All heavy atoms as atom14 arrays in JSON, in Angstrom:
{
  "sequence": "QVPPGVKYDFAEAMARMRRLRARISPNDSA",
  "atom14_mask": [
    [1, 1, 1, 1, 1, 1, 1, 1, 1, 0, 0, 0, 0, 0],
    [1, 1, 1, 1, 1, 1, 1, 0, 0, 0, 0, 0, 0, 0],
    [1, 1, 1, 1, 1, 1, 1, 0, 0, 0, 0, 0, 0, 0],
    [1, 1, 1, 1, 1, 1, 1, 0, 0, 0, 0, 0, 0, 0],
    [1, 1, 1, 1, 0, 0, 0, 0, 0, 0, 0, 0, 0, 0],
    [1, 1, 1, 1, 1, 1, 1, 0, 0, 0, 0, 0, 0, 0],
    [1, 1, 1, 1, 1, 1, 1, 1, 1, 0, 0, 0, 0, 0],
    [1, 1, 1, 1, 1, 1, 1, 1, 1, 1, 1, 1, 0, 0],
    [1, 1, 1, 1, 1, 1, 1, 1, 0, 0, 0, 0, 0, 0],
    [1, 1, 1, 1, 1, 1, 1, 1, 1, 1, 1, 0, 0, 0],
    [1, 1, 1, 1, 1, 0, 0, 0, 0, 0, 0, 0, 0, 0],
    [1, 1, 1, 1, 1, 1, 1, 1, 1, 0, 0, 0, 0, 0],
    [1, 1, 1, 1, 1, 0, 0, 0, 0, 0, 0, 0, 0, 0],
    [1, 1, 1, 1, 1, 1, 1, 1, 0, 0, 0, 0, 0, 0],
    [1, 1, 1, 1, 1, 0, 0, 0, 0, 0, 0, 0, 0, 0],
    [1, 1, 1, 1, 1, 1, 1, 1, 1, 1, 1, 0, 0, 0],
    [1, 1, 1, 1, 1, 1, 1, 1, 0, 0, 0, 0, 0, 0],
    [1, 1, 1, 1, 1, 1, 1, 1, 1, 1, 1, 0, 0, 0],
    [1, 1, 1, 1, 1, 1, 1, 1, 1, 1, 1, 0, 0, 0],
    [1, 1, 1, 1, 1, 1, 1, 1, 0, 0, 0, 0, 0, 0],
    [1, 1, 1, 1, 1, 1, 1, 1, 1, 1, 1, 0, 0, 0],
    [1, 1, 1, 1, 1, 0, 0, 0, 0, 0, 0, 0, 0, 0],
    [1, 1, 1, 1, 1, 1, 1, 1, 1, 1, 1, 0, 0, 0],
    [1, 1, 1, 1, 1, 1, 1, 1, 0, 0, 0, 0, 0, 0],
    [1, 1, 1, 1, 1, 1, 0, 0, 0, 0, 0, 0, 0, 0],
    [1, 1, 1, 1, 1, 1, 1, 0, 0, 0, 0, 0, 0, 0],
    [1, 1, 1, 1, 1, 1, 1, 1, 0, 0, 0, 0, 0, 0],
    [1, 1, 1, 1, 1, 1, 1, 1, 0, 0, 0, 0, 0, 0],
    [1, 1, 1, 1, 1, 1, 0, 0, 0, 0, 0, 0, 0, 0],
    [1, 1, 1, 1, 1, 0, 0, 0, 0, 0, 0, 0, 0, 0]
  ],
  "atom14_positions": [
    [[39.89, -37.67, -24.61], [38.56, -37.67, -24.01], [37.56, -37.18, -25.06], [37.54, -36.0, -25.4], [38.53, -36.77, -22.78], [39.49, -37.19, -21.67], [39.1, -38.54, -21.08], [37.92, -38.86, -20.95], [40.1, -39.34, -20.72], [0.0, 0.0, 0.0], [0.0, 0.0, 0.0], [0.0, 0.0, 0.0], [0.0, 0.0, 0.0], [0.0, 0.0, 0.0]],
    [[36.75, -38.1, -25.59], [35.76, -37.72, -26.58], [34.52, -37.21, -25.86], [33.93, -37.92, -25.04], [35.38, -38.93, -27.47], [34.31, -38.55, -28.47], [36.62, -39.46, -28.17], [0.0, 0.0, 0.0], [0.0, 0.0, 0.0], [0.0, 0.0, 0.0], [0.0, 0.0, 0.0], [0.0, 0.0, 0.0], [0.0, 0.0, 0.0], [0.0, 0.0, 0.0]],
    [[34.14, -35.96, -26.09], [33.02, -35.38, -25.35], [31.7, -36.06, -25.71], [31.54, -36.57, -26.82], [33.02, -33.91, -25.79], [33.68, -33.93, -27.14], [34.7, -35.02, -27.08], [0.0, 0.0, 0.0], [0.0, 0.0, 0.0], [0.0, 0.0, 0.0], [0.0, 0.0, 0.0], [0.0, 0.0, 0.0], [0.0, 0.0, 0.0], [0.0, 0.0, 0.0]],
    [[30.75, -36.09, -24.78], [29.43, -36.66, -25.09], [28.74, -35.82, -26.14], [29.02, -34.63, -26.31], [28.7, -36.6, -23.74], [29.4, -35.53, -22.98], [30.83, -35.59, -23.4], [0.0, 0.0, 0.0], [0.0, 0.0, 0.0], [0.0, 0.0, 0.0], [0.0, 0.0, 0.0], [0.0, 0.0, 0.0], [0.0, 0.0, 0.0], [0.0, 0.0, 0.0]],
    [[27.83, -36.43, -26.86], [27.07, -35.71, -27.87], [27.75, -35.63, -29.22], [27.31, -34.87, -30.1], [0.0, 0.0, 0.0], [0.0, 0.0, 0.0], [0.0, 0.0, 0.0], [0.0, 0.0, 0.0], [0.0, 0.0, 0.0], [0.0, 0.0, 0.0], [0.0, 0.0, 0.0], [0.0, 0.0, 0.0], [0.0, 0.0, 0.0], [0.0, 0.0, 0.0]],
    [[28.83, -36.4, -29.39], [29.48, -36.42, -30.71], [28.5, -36.96, -31.74], [27.81, -37.96, -31.51], [30.74, -37.3, -30.67], [31.32, -37.49, -32.07], [31.79, -36.67, -29.76], [0.0, 0.0, 0.0], [0.0, 0.0, 0.0], [0.0, 0.0, 0.0], [0.0, 0.0, 0.0], [0.0, 0.0, 0.0], [0.0, 0.0, 0.0], [0.0, 0.0, 0.0]],
    [[28.4, -36.32, -32.89], [27.46, -36.73, -33.92], [28.07, -37.81, -34.8], [29.16, -37.66, -35.31], [27.07, -35.52, -34.78], [26.06, -35.86, -35.88], [25.74, -34.64, -36.74], [24.75, -35.0, -37.85], [24.48, -33.85, -38.73], [0.0, 0.0, 0.0], [0.0, 0.0, 0.0], [0.0, 0.0, 0.0], [0.0, 0.0, 0.0], [0.0, 0.0, 0.0]],
    [[27.34, -38.91, -34.96], [27.73, -39.99, -35.87], [26.7, -40.02, -36.99], [25.51, -40.25, -36.75], [27.76, -41.33, -35.14], [28.82, -41.42, -34.07], [28.53, -41.08, -32.75], [30.11, -41.84, -34.37], [29.5, -41.15, -31.75], [31.09, -41.92, -33.38], [30.77, -41.58, -32.08], [31.75, -41.65, -31.11], [0.0, 0.0, 0.0], [0.0, 0.0, 0.0]],
    [[27.13, -39.78, -38.21], [26.22, -39.62, -39.34], [26.46, -40.73, -40.36], [27.39, -40.66, -41.17], [26.43, -38.24, -39.97], [25.35, -37.87, -40.98], [24.76, -38.79, -41.57], [25.11, -36.67, -41.17], [0.0, 0.0, 0.0], [0.0, 0.0, 0.0], [0.0, 0.0, 0.0], [0.0, 0.0, 0.0], [0.0, 0.0, 0.0], [0.0, 0.0, 0.0]],
    [[25.64, -41.76, -40.32], [25.77, -42.88, -41.25], [25.59, -42.42, -42.69], [26.33, -42.86, -43.59], [24.74, -43.96, -40.9], [24.76, -45.13, -41.83], [25.74, -46.12, -41.75], [23.77, -45.28, -42.8], [25.76, -47.21, -42.61], [23.77, -46.37, -43.67], [24.76, -47.33, -43.58], [0.0, 0.0, 0.0], [0.0, 0.0, 0.0], [0.0, 0.0, 0.0]],
    [[24.64, -41.56, -42.93], [24.39, -41.08, -44.3], [25.63, -40.39, -44.87], [25.98, -40.57, -46.04], [23.19, -40.14, -44.33], [0.0, 0.0, 0.0], [0.0, 0.0, 0.0], [0.0, 0.0, 0.0], [0.0, 0.0, 0.0], [0.0, 0.0, 0.0], [0.0, 0.0, 0.0], [0.0, 0.0, 0.0], [0.0, 0.0, 0.0], [0.0, 0.0, 0.0]],
    [[26.31, -39.62, -44.03], [27.52, -38.93, -44.49], [28.65, -39.91, -44.74], [29.44, -39.75, -45.68], [27.94, -37.87, -43.47], [29.16, -37.06, -43.89], [28.99, -36.34, -45.21], [27.86, -35.92, -45.53], [30.01, -36.23, -45.95], [0.0, 0.0, 0.0], [0.0, 0.0, 0.0], [0.0, 0.0, 0.0], [0.0, 0.0, 0.0], [0.0, 0.0, 0.0]],
    [[28.75, -40.94, -43.89], [29.78, -41.97, -44.11], [29.57, -42.67, -45.44], [30.53, -42.93, -46.18], [29.75, -42.98, -42.96], [0.0, 0.0, 0.0], [0.0, 0.0, 0.0], [0.0, 0.0, 0.0], [0.0, 0.0, 0.0], [0.0, 0.0, 0.0], [0.0, 0.0, 0.0], [0.0, 0.0, 0.0], [0.0, 0.0, 0.0], [0.0, 0.0, 0.0]],
    [[28.33, -42.96, -45.78], [28.03, -43.62, -47.05], [28.21, -42.66, -48.22], [28.62, -43.07, -49.32], [26.62, -44.19, -47.02], [26.41, -45.28, -45.96], [27.47, -46.72, -46.19], [26.55, -47.6, -47.44], [0.0, 0.0, 0.0], [0.0, 0.0, 0.0], [0.0, 0.0, 0.0], [0.0, 0.0, 0.0], [0.0, 0.0, 0.0], [0.0, 0.0, 0.0]],
    [[27.94, -41.39, -48.0], [28.16, -40.4, -49.06], [29.65, -40.29, -49.36], [30.05, -40.14, -50.53], [27.6, -39.05, -48.64], [0.0, 0.0, 0.0], [0.0, 0.0, 0.0], [0.0, 0.0, 0.0], [0.0, 0.0, 0.0], [0.0, 0.0, 0.0], [0.0, 0.0, 0.0], [0.0, 0.0, 0.0], [0.0, 0.0, 0.0], [0.0, 0.0, 0.0]],
    [[30.49, -40.35, -48.32], [31.94, -40.34, -48.54], [32.35, -41.51, -49.42], [33.15, -41.36, -50.35], [32.68, -40.4, -47.21], [34.19, -40.59, -47.35], [34.86, -40.84, -46.01], [36.29, -41.04, -46.16], [36.86, -42.21, -46.43], [36.11, -43.3, -46.59], [38.17, -42.31, -46.56], [0.0, 0.0, 0.0], [0.0, 0.0, 0.0], [0.0, 0.0, 0.0]],
    [[31.8, -42.69, -49.12], [32.12, -43.87, -49.93], [31.73, -43.63, -51.39], [32.5, -43.91, -52.31], [31.39, -45.09, -49.37], [31.53, -46.36, -50.2], [30.26, -46.5, -51.51], [28.79, -46.73, -50.54], [0.0, 0.0, 0.0], [0.0, 0.0, 0.0], [0.0, 0.0, 0.0], [0.0, 0.0, 0.0], [0.0, 0.0, 0.0], [0.0, 0.0, 0.0]],
    [[30.54, -43.11, -51.62], [30.08, -42.88, -53.0], [30.94, -41.83, -53.7], [31.22, -41.95, -54.9], [28.61, -42.47, -53.01], [27.66, -43.55, -52.49], [26.21, -43.22, -52.82], [25.77, -41.95, -52.28], [25.32, -41.76, -51.04], [25.26, -42.78, -50.19], [24.93, -40.56, -50.63], [0.0, 0.0, 0.0], [0.0, 0.0, 0.0], [0.0, 0.0, 0.0]],
    [[31.35, -40.82, -52.95], [32.19, -39.77, -53.54], [33.53, -40.34, -54.0], [34.0, -40.06, -55.1], [32.42, -38.66, -52.51], [33.27, -37.5, -53.06], [33.44, -36.4, -52.05], [34.35, -36.74, -50.97], [33.99, -36.97, -49.72], [32.71, -36.9, -49.35], [34.89, -37.28, -48.8], [0.0, 0.0, 0.0], [0.0, 0.0, 0.0], [0.0, 0.0, 0.0]],
    [[34.13, -41.19, -53.16], [35.43, -41.77, -53.51], [35.3, -42.8, -54.61], [36.19, -42.92, -55.46], [36.07, -42.38, -52.26], [36.38, -41.38, -51.14], [37.0, -42.1, -49.96], [37.3, -40.27, -51.64], [0.0, 0.0, 0.0], [0.0, 0.0, 0.0], [0.0, 0.0, 0.0], [0.0, 0.0, 0.0], [0.0, 0.0, 0.0], [0.0, 0.0, 0.0]],
    [[34.21, -43.55, -54.62], [33.98, -44.5, -55.71], [33.87, -43.76, -57.04], [34.43, -44.19, -58.05], [32.71, -45.31, -55.44], [32.35, -46.29, -56.54], [31.17, -47.16, -56.14], [29.98, -46.38, -55.85], [28.83, -46.89, -55.43], [28.72, -48.2, -55.22], [27.78, -46.11, -55.19], [0.0, 0.0, 0.0], [0.0, 0.0, 0.0], [0.0, 0.0, 0.0]],
    [[33.15, -42.64, -57.04], [33.03, -41.85, -58.26], [34.38, -41.29, -58.69], [34.7, -41.23, -59.89], [32.04, -40.7, -58.04], [0.0, 0.0, 0.0], [0.0, 0.0, 0.0], [0.0, 0.0, 0.0], [0.0, 0.0, 0.0], [0.0, 0.0, 0.0], [0.0, 0.0, 0.0], [0.0, 0.0, 0.0], [0.0, 0.0, 0.0], [0.0, 0.0, 0.0]],
    [[35.19, -40.91, -57.71], [36.53, -40.38, -58.01], [37.43, -41.43, -58.67], [38.24, -41.13, -59.54], [37.17, -39.87, -56.71], [38.59, -39.38, -56.85], [39.1, -38.91, -55.5], [40.54, -38.66, -55.51], [41.24, -38.3, -54.45], [40.64, -38.13, -53.29], [42.53, -38.11, -54.53], [0.0, 0.0, 0.0], [0.0, 0.0, 0.0], [0.0, 0.0, 0.0]],
    [[37.28, -42.68, -58.25], [38.08, -43.77, -58.81], [37.56, -44.23, -60.16], [38.32, -44.74, -61.0], [38.09, -44.94, -57.8], [38.85, -44.56, -56.53], [38.69, -46.21, -58.4], [38.7, -45.55, -55.39], [0.0, 0.0, 0.0], [0.0, 0.0, 0.0], [0.0, 0.0, 0.0], [0.0, 0.0, 0.0], [0.0, 0.0, 0.0], [0.0, 0.0, 0.0]],
    [[36.27, -44.03, -60.42], [35.62, -44.63, -61.59], [36.19, -44.25, -62.96], [36.06, -45.05, -63.9], [34.12, -44.33, -61.56], [33.85, -42.95, -61.71], [0.0, 0.0, 0.0], [0.0, 0.0, 0.0], [0.0, 0.0, 0.0], [0.0, 0.0, 0.0], [0.0, 0.0, 0.0], [0.0, 0.0, 0.0], [0.0, 0.0, 0.0], [0.0, 0.0, 0.0]],
    [[36.83, -43.09, -63.16], [37.4, -42.83, -64.49], [38.41, -43.88, -64.94], [38.59, -44.08, -66.15], [38.06, -41.45, -64.33], [37.26, -40.78, -63.26], [36.9, -41.88, -62.31], [0.0, 0.0, 0.0], [0.0, 0.0, 0.0], [0.0, 0.0, 0.0], [0.0, 0.0, 0.0], [0.0, 0.0, 0.0], [0.0, 0.0, 0.0], [0.0, 0.0, 0.0]],
    [[39.05, -44.56, -63.99], [40.02, -45.59, -64.37], [39.37, -46.72, -65.16], [40.02, -47.38, -65.97], [40.68, -46.18, -63.12], [41.53, -45.17, -62.38], [42.12, -44.28, -62.98], [41.58, -45.28, -61.06], [0.0, 0.0, 0.0], [0.0, 0.0, 0.0], [0.0, 0.0, 0.0], [0.0, 0.0, 0.0], [0.0, 0.0, 0.0], [0.0, 0.0, 0.0]],
    [[38.08, -46.97, -64.9], [37.38, -48.07, -65.55], [36.36, -47.58, -66.57], [35.49, -48.34, -67.0], [36.65, -48.92, -64.49], [37.59, -49.59, -63.52], [38.81, -49.6, -63.77], [37.11, -50.11, -62.49], [0.0, 0.0, 0.0], [0.0, 0.0, 0.0], [0.0, 0.0, 0.0], [0.0, 0.0, 0.0], [0.0, 0.0, 0.0], [0.0, 0.0, 0.0]],
    [[36.46, -46.34, -66.96], [35.4, -45.73, -67.75], [35.43, -46.15, -69.21], [36.46, -46.52, -69.77], [35.5, -44.2, -67.67], [36.69, -43.75, -68.31], [0.0, 0.0, 0.0], [0.0, 0.0, 0.0], [0.0, 0.0, 0.0], [0.0, 0.0, 0.0], [0.0, 0.0, 0.0], [0.0, 0.0, 0.0], [0.0, 0.0, 0.0], [0.0, 0.0, 0.0]],
    [[34.26, -46.04, -69.84], [34.14, -46.37, -71.26], [35.02, -45.46, -72.11], [35.68, -45.92, -73.05], [32.67, -46.24, -71.69], [0.0, 0.0, 0.0], [0.0, 0.0, 0.0], [0.0, 0.0, 0.0], [0.0, 0.0, 0.0], [0.0, 0.0, 0.0], [0.0, 0.0, 0.0], [0.0, 0.0, 0.0], [0.0, 0.0, 0.0], [0.0, 0.0, 0.0]]
  ]
}
């Protein structure tokens, strides 16, 4: 049972994506 008022944060979801992309990026680095 998911309680009402759960916060959904699009900005945080996109920040997670950017954080993980940066974490992977050394594999392709100059």
